[in-house]
PDB file of N, CA and C in Angstrom:
ATOM      1  N   UNK A   1     -20.856  14.323  18.626  1.00  0.00           N
ATOM      2  CA  UNK A   1     -20.040  14.630  18.711  1.00  0.00           C
ATOM      3  C   UNK A   1     -19.479  16.276  18.605  1.00  0.00           C
ATOM      4  N   UNK A   2     -19.787  16.513  17.337  1.00  0.00           N
ATOM      5  CA  UNK A   2     -18.581  17.924  17.620  1.00  0.00           C
ATOM      6  C   UNK A   2     -19.457  18.619  18.368  1.00  0.00           C
ATOM      7  N   UNK A   3     -20.487  18.593  18.743  1.00  0.00           N
ATOM      8  CA  UNK A   3     -21.396  19.495  19.956  1.00  0.00           C
ATOM      9  C   UNK A   3     -20.600  19.562  21.131  1.00  0.00           C
ATOM     10  N   UNK A   4     -20.036  18.551  21.383  1.00  0.00           N
ATOM     11  CA  UNK A   4     -19.193  17.855  22.229  1.00  0.00           C
ATOM     12  C   UNK A   4     -18.006  18.748  22.278  1.00  0.00           C
ATOM     13  N   UNK A   5     -17.214  18.294  21.255  1.00  0.00           N
ATOM     14  CA  UNK A   5     -15.814  18.665  20.738  1.00  0.00           C
ATOM     15  C   UNK A   5     -15.822  19.900  20.470  1.00  0.00           C
ATOM     16  N   UNK A   6     -16.736  20.589  20.306  1.00  0.00           N
ATOM     17  CA  UNK A   6     -16.813  22.259  19.980  1.00  0.00           C
ATOM     18  C   UNK A   6     -17.263  23.049  21.367  1.00  0.00           C
ATOM     19  N   UNK A   7     -17.346  22.441  22.156  1.00  0.00           N
ATOM     20  CA  UNK A   7     -17.416  23.424  23.504  1.00  0.00           C
ATOM     21  C   UNK A   7     -16.784  22.358  24.392  1.00  0.00           C
ATOM     22  N   UNK A   8     -15.768  21.676  23.723  1.00  0.00           N
ATOM     23  CA  UNK A   8     -14.829  21.904  25.202  1.00  0.00           C
ATOM     24  C   UNK A   8     -13.712  22.373  24.637  1.00  0.00           C
ATOM     25  N   UNK A   9     -13.023  22.780  23.174  1.00  0.00           N
ATOM     26  CA  UNK A   9     -12.432  23.631  22.237  1.00  0.00           C
ATOM     27  C   UNK A   9     -13.136  25.277  22.959  1.00  0.00           C
ATOM     28  N   UNK A  10     -14.357  25.494  22.803  1.00  0.00           N
ATOM     29  CA  UNK A  10     -14.988  26.893  23.735  1.00  0.00           C
ATOM     30  C   UNK A  10     -14.700  26.961  24.585  1.00  0.00           C
ATOM     31  N   UNK A  11     -14.441  26.093  25.546  1.00  0.00           N
ATOM     32  CA  UNK A  11     -13.839  26.264  27.060  1.00  0.00           C
ATOM     33  C   UNK A  11     -12.780  26.214  27.417  1.00  0.00           C
ATOM     34  N   UNK A  12     -11.936  25.933  26.446  1.00  0.00           N
ATOM     35  CA  UNK A  12     -10.443  26.318  26.382  1.00  0.00           C
ATOM     36  C   UNK A  12      -9.825  27.611  25.489  1.00  0.00           C
ATOM     37  N   UNK A  13     -10.725  27.841  24.482  1.00  0.00           N
ATOM     38  CA  UNK A  13      -9.868  28.831  23.583  1.00  0.00           C
ATOM     39  C   UNK A  13     -10.605  30.205  23.541  1.00  0.00           C
ATOM     40  N   UNK A  14     -11.963  29.592  23.764  1.00  0.00           N
ATOM     41  CA  UNK A  14     -13.037  30.731  23.490  1.00  0.00           C
ATOM     42  C   UNK A  14     -14.045  30.497  21.914  1.00  0.00           C
ATOM     43  N   UNK A  15     -14.162  32.212  21.352  1.00  0.00           N
ATOM     44  CA  UNK A  15     -15.104  31.663  19.777  1.00  0.00           C
ATOM     45  C   UNK A  15     -14.409  30.882  19.484  1.00  0.00           C
ATOM     46  N   UNK A  16     -13.183  31.023  18.564  1.00  0.00           N
ATOM     47  CA  UNK A  16     -12.203  30.544  17.741  1.00  0.00           C
ATOM     48  C   UNK A  16     -12.230  29.257  18.318  1.00  0.00           C
ATOM     49  N   UNK A  17     -12.488  28.937  18.795  1.00  0.00           N
ATOM     50  CA  UNK A  17     -12.151  27.133  19.056  1.00  0.00           C
ATOM     51  C   UNK A  17     -13.155  26.190  18.970  1.00  0.00           C
ATOM     52  N   UNK A  18     -14.335  27.245  18.619  1.00  0.00           N
ATOM     53  CA  UNK A  18     -15.994  26.024  18.256  1.00  0.00           C
ATOM     54  C   UNK A  18     -15.692  25.387  16.933  1.00  0.00           C
ATOM     55  N   UNK A  19     -14.978  26.164  15.731  1.00  0.00           N
ATOM     56  CA  UNK A  19     -15.336  26.187  14.417  1.00  0.00           C
ATOM     57  C   UNK A  19     -13.904  24.571  14.674  1.00  0.00           C
ATOM     58  N   UNK A  20     -13.276  24.612  14.584  1.00  0.00           N
ATOM     59  CA  UNK A  20     -12.314  24.221  15.123  1.00  0.00           C
ATOM     60  C   UNK A  20     -12.183  22.703  16.110  1.00  0.00           C
ATOM     61  N   UNK A  21     -13.571  22.963  16.879  1.00  0.00           N
ATOM     62  CA  UNK A  21     -14.048  21.537  18.207  1.00  0.00           C
ATOM     63  C   UNK A  21     -14.744  20.522  17.212  1.00  0.00           C
ATOM     64  N   UNK A  22     -15.756  22.037  16.192  1.00  0.00           N
ATOM     65  CA  UNK A  22     -17.282  20.743  15.491  1.00  0.00           C
ATOM     66  C   UNK A  22     -16.290  20.083  14.259  1.00  0.00           C
ATOM     67  N   UNK A  23     -15.698  20.732  14.170  1.00  0.00           N
ATOM     68  CA  UNK A  23     -14.414  19.687  12.532  1.00  0.00           C
ATOM     69  C   UNK A  23     -13.840  18.608  13.536  1.00  0.00           C
ATOM     70  N   UNK A  24     -13.096  18.247  14.316  1.00  0.00           N
ATOM     71  CA  UNK A  24     -12.261  17.333  15.049  1.00  0.00           C
ATOM     72  C   UNK A  24     -13.707  16.599  15.335  1.00  0.00           C
ATOM     73  N   UNK A  25     -14.685  17.117  16.320  1.00  0.00           N
ATOM     74  CA  UNK A  25     -15.850  16.455  16.833  1.00  0.00           C
ATOM     75  C   UNK A  25     -16.548  15.438  15.384  1.00  0.00           C
ATOM     76  N   UNK A  26     -16.575  16.853  14.107  1.00  0.00           N
ATOM     77  CA  UNK A  26     -17.627  15.620  13.456  1.00  0.00           C
ATOM     78  C   UNK A  26     -16.593  14.637  12.692  1.00  0.00           C
ATOM     79  N   UNK A  27     -15.089  14.310  12.379  1.00  0.00           N
ATOM     80  CA  UNK A  27     -14.298  13.596  12.208  1.00  0.00           C
ATOM     81  C   UNK A  27     -14.275  12.436  13.250  1.00  0.00           C
ATOM     82  N   UNK A  28     -14.303  12.613  13.865  1.00  0.00           N
ATOM     83  CA  UNK A  28     -13.801  11.476  15.739  1.00  0.00           C
ATOM     84  C   UNK A  28     -15.452  10.802  15.441  1.00  0.00           C
ATOM     85  N   UNK A  29     -16.410  11.360  14.548  1.00  0.00           N
ATOM     86  CA  UNK A  29     -18.022  11.158  14.840  1.00  0.00           C
ATOM     87  C   UNK A  29     -17.765   9.833  13.393  1.00  0.00           C
ATOM     88  N   UNK A  30     -17.350  10.245  12.497  1.00  0.00           N
ATOM     89  CA  UNK A  30     -17.218   9.730  11.548  1.00  0.00           C
ATOM     90  C   UNK A  30     -16.014   8.228  11.005  1.00  0.00           C
ATOM     91  N   UNK A  31     -15.215   8.589  11.484  1.00  0.00           N
ATOM     92  CA  UNK A  31     -14.151   7.105  11.957  1.00  0.00           C
ATOM     93  C   UNK A  31     -15.029   6.040  13.156  1.00  0.00           C
ATOM     94  N   UNK A  32     -15.971   6.515  13.996  1.00  0.00           N
ATOM     95  CA  UNK A  32     -16.315   6.280  14.953  1.00  0.00           C
ATOM     96  C   UNK A  32     -15.454   5.603  16.490  1.00  0.00           C
ATOM     97  N   UNK A  33     -15.064   6.657  16.421  1.00  0.00           N
ATOM     98  CA  UNK A  33     -14.450   6.951  17.368  1.00  0.00           C
ATOM     99  C   UNK A  33     -14.915   7.454  19.260  1.00  0.00           C
ATOM    100  N   UNK A  34     -16.426   7.939  18.888  1.00  0.00           N
ATOM    101  CA  UNK A  34     -16.916   7.325  20.488  1.00  0.00           C
ATOM    102  C   UNK A  34     -16.696   8.392  21.089  1.00  0.00           C
ATOM    103  N   UNK A  35     -17.381   8.308  22.626  1.00  0.00           N
ATOM    104  CA  UNK A  35     -16.889   9.574  22.948  1.00  0.00           C
ATOM    105  C   UNK A  35     -15.962  10.556  23.222  1.00  0.00           C
ATOM    106  N   UNK A  36     -14.892   8.985  23.836  1.00  0.00           N
ATOM    107  CA  UNK A  36     -13.288   9.549  24.126  1.00  0.00           C
ATOM    108  C   UNK A  36     -12.964  10.171  22.545  1.00  0.00           C
ATOM    109  N   UNK A  37     -13.455   9.686  21.754  1.00  0.00           N
ATOM    110  CA  UNK A  37     -13.086  10.353  20.358  1.00  0.00           C
ATOM    111  C   UNK A  37     -12.943  12.217  20.147  1.00  0.00           C
ATOM    112  N   UNK A  38     -13.835  11.965  20.605  1.00  0.00           N
ATOM    113  CA  UNK A  38     -14.593  13.246  20.721  1.00  0.00           C
ATOM    114  C   UNK A  38     -14.076  14.347  21.629  1.00  0.00           C
ATOM    115  N   UNK A  39     -13.715  14.087  23.138  1.00  0.00           N
ATOM    116  CA  UNK A  39     -12.881  14.393  23.733  1.00  0.00           C
ATOM    117  C   UNK A  39     -11.146  14.587  23.088  1.00  0.00           C
ATOM    118  N   UNK A  40     -10.536  13.888  23.486  1.00  0.00           N
ATOM    119  CA  UNK A  40      -9.979  13.882  22.609  1.00  0.00           C
ATOM    120  C   UNK A  40      -9.885  15.201  21.387  1.00  0.00           C
ATOM    121  N   UNK A  41     -10.815  15.247  20.555  1.00  0.00           N
ATOM    122  CA  UNK A  41     -10.665  15.768  19.326  1.00  0.00           C
ATOM    123  C   UNK A  41     -11.091  17.431  20.202  1.00  0.00           C
ATOM    124  N   UNK A  42     -12.039  17.614  20.928  1.00  0.00           N
ATOM    125  CA  UNK A  42     -11.458  19.058  21.502  1.00  0.00           C
ATOM    126  C   UNK A  42     -11.184  19.268  22.169  1.00  0.00           C
ATOM    127  N   UNK A  43     -10.368  18.466  22.535  1.00  0.00           N
ATOM    128  CA  UNK A  43      -8.936  19.181  23.311  1.00  0.00           C
ATOM    129  C   UNK A  43      -7.598  19.438  22.470  1.00  0.00           C
ATOM    130  N   UNK A  44      -8.157  18.514  21.579  1.00  0.00           N
ATOM    131  CA  UNK A  44      -6.753  18.684  20.641  1.00  0.00           C
ATOM    132  C   UNK A  44      -6.827  20.194  20.001  1.00  0.00           C
ATOM    133  N   UNK A  45      -8.147  20.103  19.496  1.00  0.00           N
ATOM    134  CA  UNK A  45      -8.828  21.918  19.071  1.00  0.00           C
ATOM    135  C   UNK A  45      -8.443  23.089  19.797  1.00  0.00           C
ATOM    136  N   UNK A  46      -8.896  22.397  21.138  1.00  0.00           N
ATOM    137  CA  UNK A  46      -8.774  23.700  21.651  1.00  0.00           C
ATOM    138  C   UNK A  46      -7.382  24.650  22.222  1.00  0.00           C
ATOM    139  N   UNK A  47      -6.436  23.605  22.360  1.00  0.00           N
ATOM    140  CA  UNK A  47      -5.033  23.707  22.090  1.00  0.00           C
ATOM    141  C   UNK A  47      -3.938  24.685  21.565  1.00  0.00           C
ATOM    142  N   UNK A  48      -4.644  23.628  20.302  1.00  0.00           N
ATOM    143  CA  UNK A  48      -4.365  24.296  19.516  1.00  0.00           C
ATOM    144  C   UNK A  48      -4.071  25.610  18.533  1.00  0.00           C
ATOM    145  N   UNK A  49      -6.033  26.190  19.219  1.00  0.00           N
ATOM    146  CA  UNK A  49      -6.080  27.158  18.404  1.00  0.00           C
ATOM    147  C   UNK A  49      -5.212  28.536  19.739  1.00  0.00           C
ATOM    148  N   UNK A  50      -5.860  27.956  20.970  1.00  0.00           N
ATOM    149  CA  UNK A  50      -5.068  28.704  22.263  1.00  0.00           C
ATOM    150  C   UNK A  50      -3.962  28.964  21.724  1.00  0.00           C
ATOM    151  N   UNK A  51      -2.340  27.928  21.212  1.00  0.00           N
ATOM    152  CA  UNK A  51      -1.057  28.155  21.131  1.00  0.00           C
ATOM    153  C   UNK A  51      -1.546  29.411  19.326  1.00  0.00           C
ATOM    154  N   UNK A  52      -2.110  28.677  18.412  1.00  0.00           N
ATOM    155  CA  UNK A  52      -3.018  29.763  17.518  1.00  0.00           C
ATOM    156  C   UNK A  52      -2.763  31.456  17.721  1.00  0.00           C
ATOM    157  N   UNK A  53      -3.744  31.279  18.873  1.00  0.00           N
ATOM    158  CA  UNK A  53      -3.481  33.069  19.069  1.00  0.00           C
ATOM    159  C   UNK A  53      -2.624  33.392  19.903  1.00  0.00           C
ATOM    160  N   UNK A  54      -1.777  32.760  20.561  1.00  0.00           N
ATOM    161  CA  UNK A  54      -0.154  33.802  21.175  1.00  0.00           C
ATOM    162  C   UNK A  54       0.573  33.800  20.162  1.00  0.00           C
ATOM    163  N   UNK A  55       0.516  33.698  18.954  1.00  0.00           N
ATOM    164  CA  UNK A  55       1.602  34.299  17.731  1.00  0.00           C
ATOM    165  C   UNK A  55       1.283  35.367  17.599  1.00  0.00           C
ATOM    166  N   UNK A  56       2.781  35.774  17.886  1.00  0.00           N
ATOM    167  CA  UNK A  56       2.920  36.592  17.492  1.00  0.00           C
ATOM    168  C   UNK A  56       2.489  37.587  16.148  1.00  0.00           C
ATOM    169  N   UNK A  57       1.528  38.391  15.670  1.00  0.00           N
ATOM    170  CA  UNK A  57       1.120  39.220  14.173  1.00  0.00           C
ATOM    171  C   UNK A  57       1.664  39.977  14.331  1.00  0.00           C
ATOM    172  N   UNK A  58       1.143  40.897  12.571  1.00  0.00           N
ATOM    173  CA  UNK A  58       1.202  42.131  12.457  1.00  0.00           C
ATOM    174  C   UNK A  58      -0.091  42.833  12.957  1.00  0.00           C
ATOM    175  N   UNK A  59       0.351  44.447  13.418  1.00  0.00           N
ATOM    176  CA  UNK A  59      -1.032  44.754  13.709  1.00  0.00           C
ATOM    177  C   UNK A  59      -1.798  45.003  12.665  1.00  0.00           C
ATOM    178  N   UNK A  60      -1.684  44.932  11.444  1.00  0.00           N
ATOM    179  CA  UNK A  60      -3.078  45.509  10.291  1.00  0.00           C
ATOM    180  C   UNK A  60      -3.467  43.659  10.093  1.00  0.00           C
ATOM    181  N   UNK A  61      -2.534  42.528  11.308  1.00  0.00           N
ATOM    182  CA  UNK A  61      -3.603  41.286  10.451  1.00  0.00           C
ATOM    183  C   UNK A  61      -4.346  40.452  11.841  1.00  0.00           C
ATOM    184  N   UNK A  62      -4.066  41.666  13.065  1.00  0.00           N
ATOM    185  CA  UNK A  62      -4.556  41.384  14.549  1.00  0.00           C
ATOM    186  C   UNK A  62      -6.517  41.496  14.082  1.00  0.00           C
ATOM    187  N   UNK A  63      -7.321  42.117  13.437  1.00  0.00           N
ATOM    188  CA  UNK A  63      -8.716  41.940  13.343  1.00  0.00           C
ATOM    189  C   UNK A  63      -9.648  40.699  12.550  1.00  0.00           C
ATOM    190  N   UNK A  64      -8.389  40.212  11.273  1.00  0.00           N
ATOM    191  CA  UNK A  64      -8.632  39.181  11.024  1.00  0.00           C
ATOM    192  C   UNK A  64      -8.989  38.022  11.705  1.00  0.00           C
ATOM    193  N   UNK A  65      -7.892  38.073  12.710  1.00  0.00           N
ATOM    194  CA  UNK A  65      -7.531  36.410  12.596  1.00  0.00           C
ATOM    195  C   UNK A  65      -8.053  35.931  13.620  1.00  0.00           C
ATOM    196  N   UNK A  66      -9.333  36.173  14.223  1.00  0.00           N
ATOM    197  CA  UNK A  66     -10.840  35.448  15.479  1.00  0.00           C
ATOM    198  C   UNK A  66     -11.229  35.518  14.447  1.00  0.00           C
ATOM    199  N   UNK A  67     -11.683  36.579  13.101  1.00  0.00           N
ATOM    200  CA  UNK A  67     -12.720  36.142  12.648  1.00  0.00           C
ATOM    201  C   UNK A  67     -12.246  34.505  11.122  1.00  0.00           C
ATOM    202  N   UNK A  68     -11.153  35.299  10.809  1.00  0.00           N
ATOM    203  CA  UNK A  68     -10.822  34.253   9.697  1.00  0.00           C
ATOM    204  C   UNK A  68     -10.060  33.341   9.762  1.00  0.00           C
ATOM    205  N   UNK A  69      -8.700  33.588   9.799  1.00  0.00           N
ATOM    206  CA  UNK A  69      -7.340  32.305  10.126  1.00  0.00           C
ATOM    207  C   UNK A  69      -7.266  31.934  10.935  1.00  0.00           C
ATOM    208  N   UNK A  70      -7.539  32.353  12.630  1.00  0.00           N
ATOM    209  CA  UNK A  70      -7.184  31.300  13.413  1.00  0.00           C
ATOM    210  C   UNK A  70      -8.631  29.741  13.359  1.00  0.00           C
ATOM    211  N   UNK A  71      -9.630  29.977  12.835  1.00  0.00           N
ATOM    212  CA  UNK A  71     -10.112  29.028  12.257  1.00  0.00           C
ATOM    213  C   UNK A  71     -10.189  28.149  11.347  1.00  0.00           C
ATOM    214  N   UNK A  72      -9.691  28.791   9.941  1.00  0.00           N
ATOM    215  CA  UNK A  72      -9.085  28.389   8.949  1.00  0.00           C
ATOM    216  C   UNK A  72      -7.981  27.139   9.427  1.00  0.00           C
ATOM    217  N   UNK A  73      -6.638  27.569   9.617  1.00  0.00           N
ATOM    218  CA  UNK A  73      -5.473  27.375  10.361  1.00  0.00           C
ATOM    219  C   UNK A  73      -6.002  26.669  11.442  1.00  0.00           C
ATOM    220  N   UNK A  74      -6.803  26.312  12.335  1.00  0.00           N
ATOM    221  CA  UNK A  74      -6.736  25.267  13.206  1.00  0.00           C
ATOM    222  C   UNK A  74      -7.471  23.952  13.517  1.00  0.00           C
ATOM    223  N   UNK A  75      -7.832  24.015  11.731  1.00  0.00           N
ATOM    224  CA  UNK A  75      -9.452  22.915  11.314  1.00  0.00           C
ATOM    225  C   UNK A  75      -8.026  22.230  10.407  1.00  0.00           C
ATOM    226  N   UNK A  76      -7.936  23.733   9.714  1.00  0.00           N
ATOM    227  CA  UNK A  76      -6.712  21.793   9.253  1.00  0.00           C
ATOM    228  C   UNK A  76      -5.661  20.809   9.270  1.00  0.00           C
ATOM    229  N   UNK A  77      -4.667  22.234  10.695  1.00  0.00           N
ATOM    230  CA  UNK A  77      -4.500  20.874  11.951  1.00  0.00           C
ATOM    231  C   UNK A  77      -5.144  20.392  12.711  1.00  0.00           C
ATOM    232  N   UNK A  78      -6.319  20.089  13.134  1.00  0.00           N
ATOM    233  CA  UNK A  78      -7.060  19.554  13.649  1.00  0.00           C
ATOM    234  C   UNK A  78      -7.800  17.885  12.475  1.00  0.00           C
ATOM    235  N   UNK A  79      -7.915  18.388  11.542  1.00  0.00           N
ATOM    236  CA  UNK A  79      -8.574  17.732  10.094  1.00  0.00           C
ATOM    237  C   UNK A  79      -7.513  16.663   9.830  1.00  0.00           C
ATOM    238  N   UNK A  80      -6.205  17.055  10.018  1.00  0.00           N
ATOM    239  CA  UNK A  80      -5.089  16.169   9.202  1.00  0.00           C
ATOM    240  C   UNK A  80      -4.854  15.609  10.307  1.00  0.00           C
TER     241      UNK A  80
END
């Protein structure tokens, strides 16, 4: 399930979505949600990352966003 959810999120939000998708898929797997849980987790993670990427940020923070900030914030949102 983590790989399925990760690549669904990757399809929606590109590389920063992989981490949040893997986290959401792992949680869905631990809970026992099955295929549909992984699907929902991937969609949720992808759209959270997509919307986070659209937020306006200061110019000095832009290079760090796809590497550190977006994956951490989106993983916390998906995990909670």
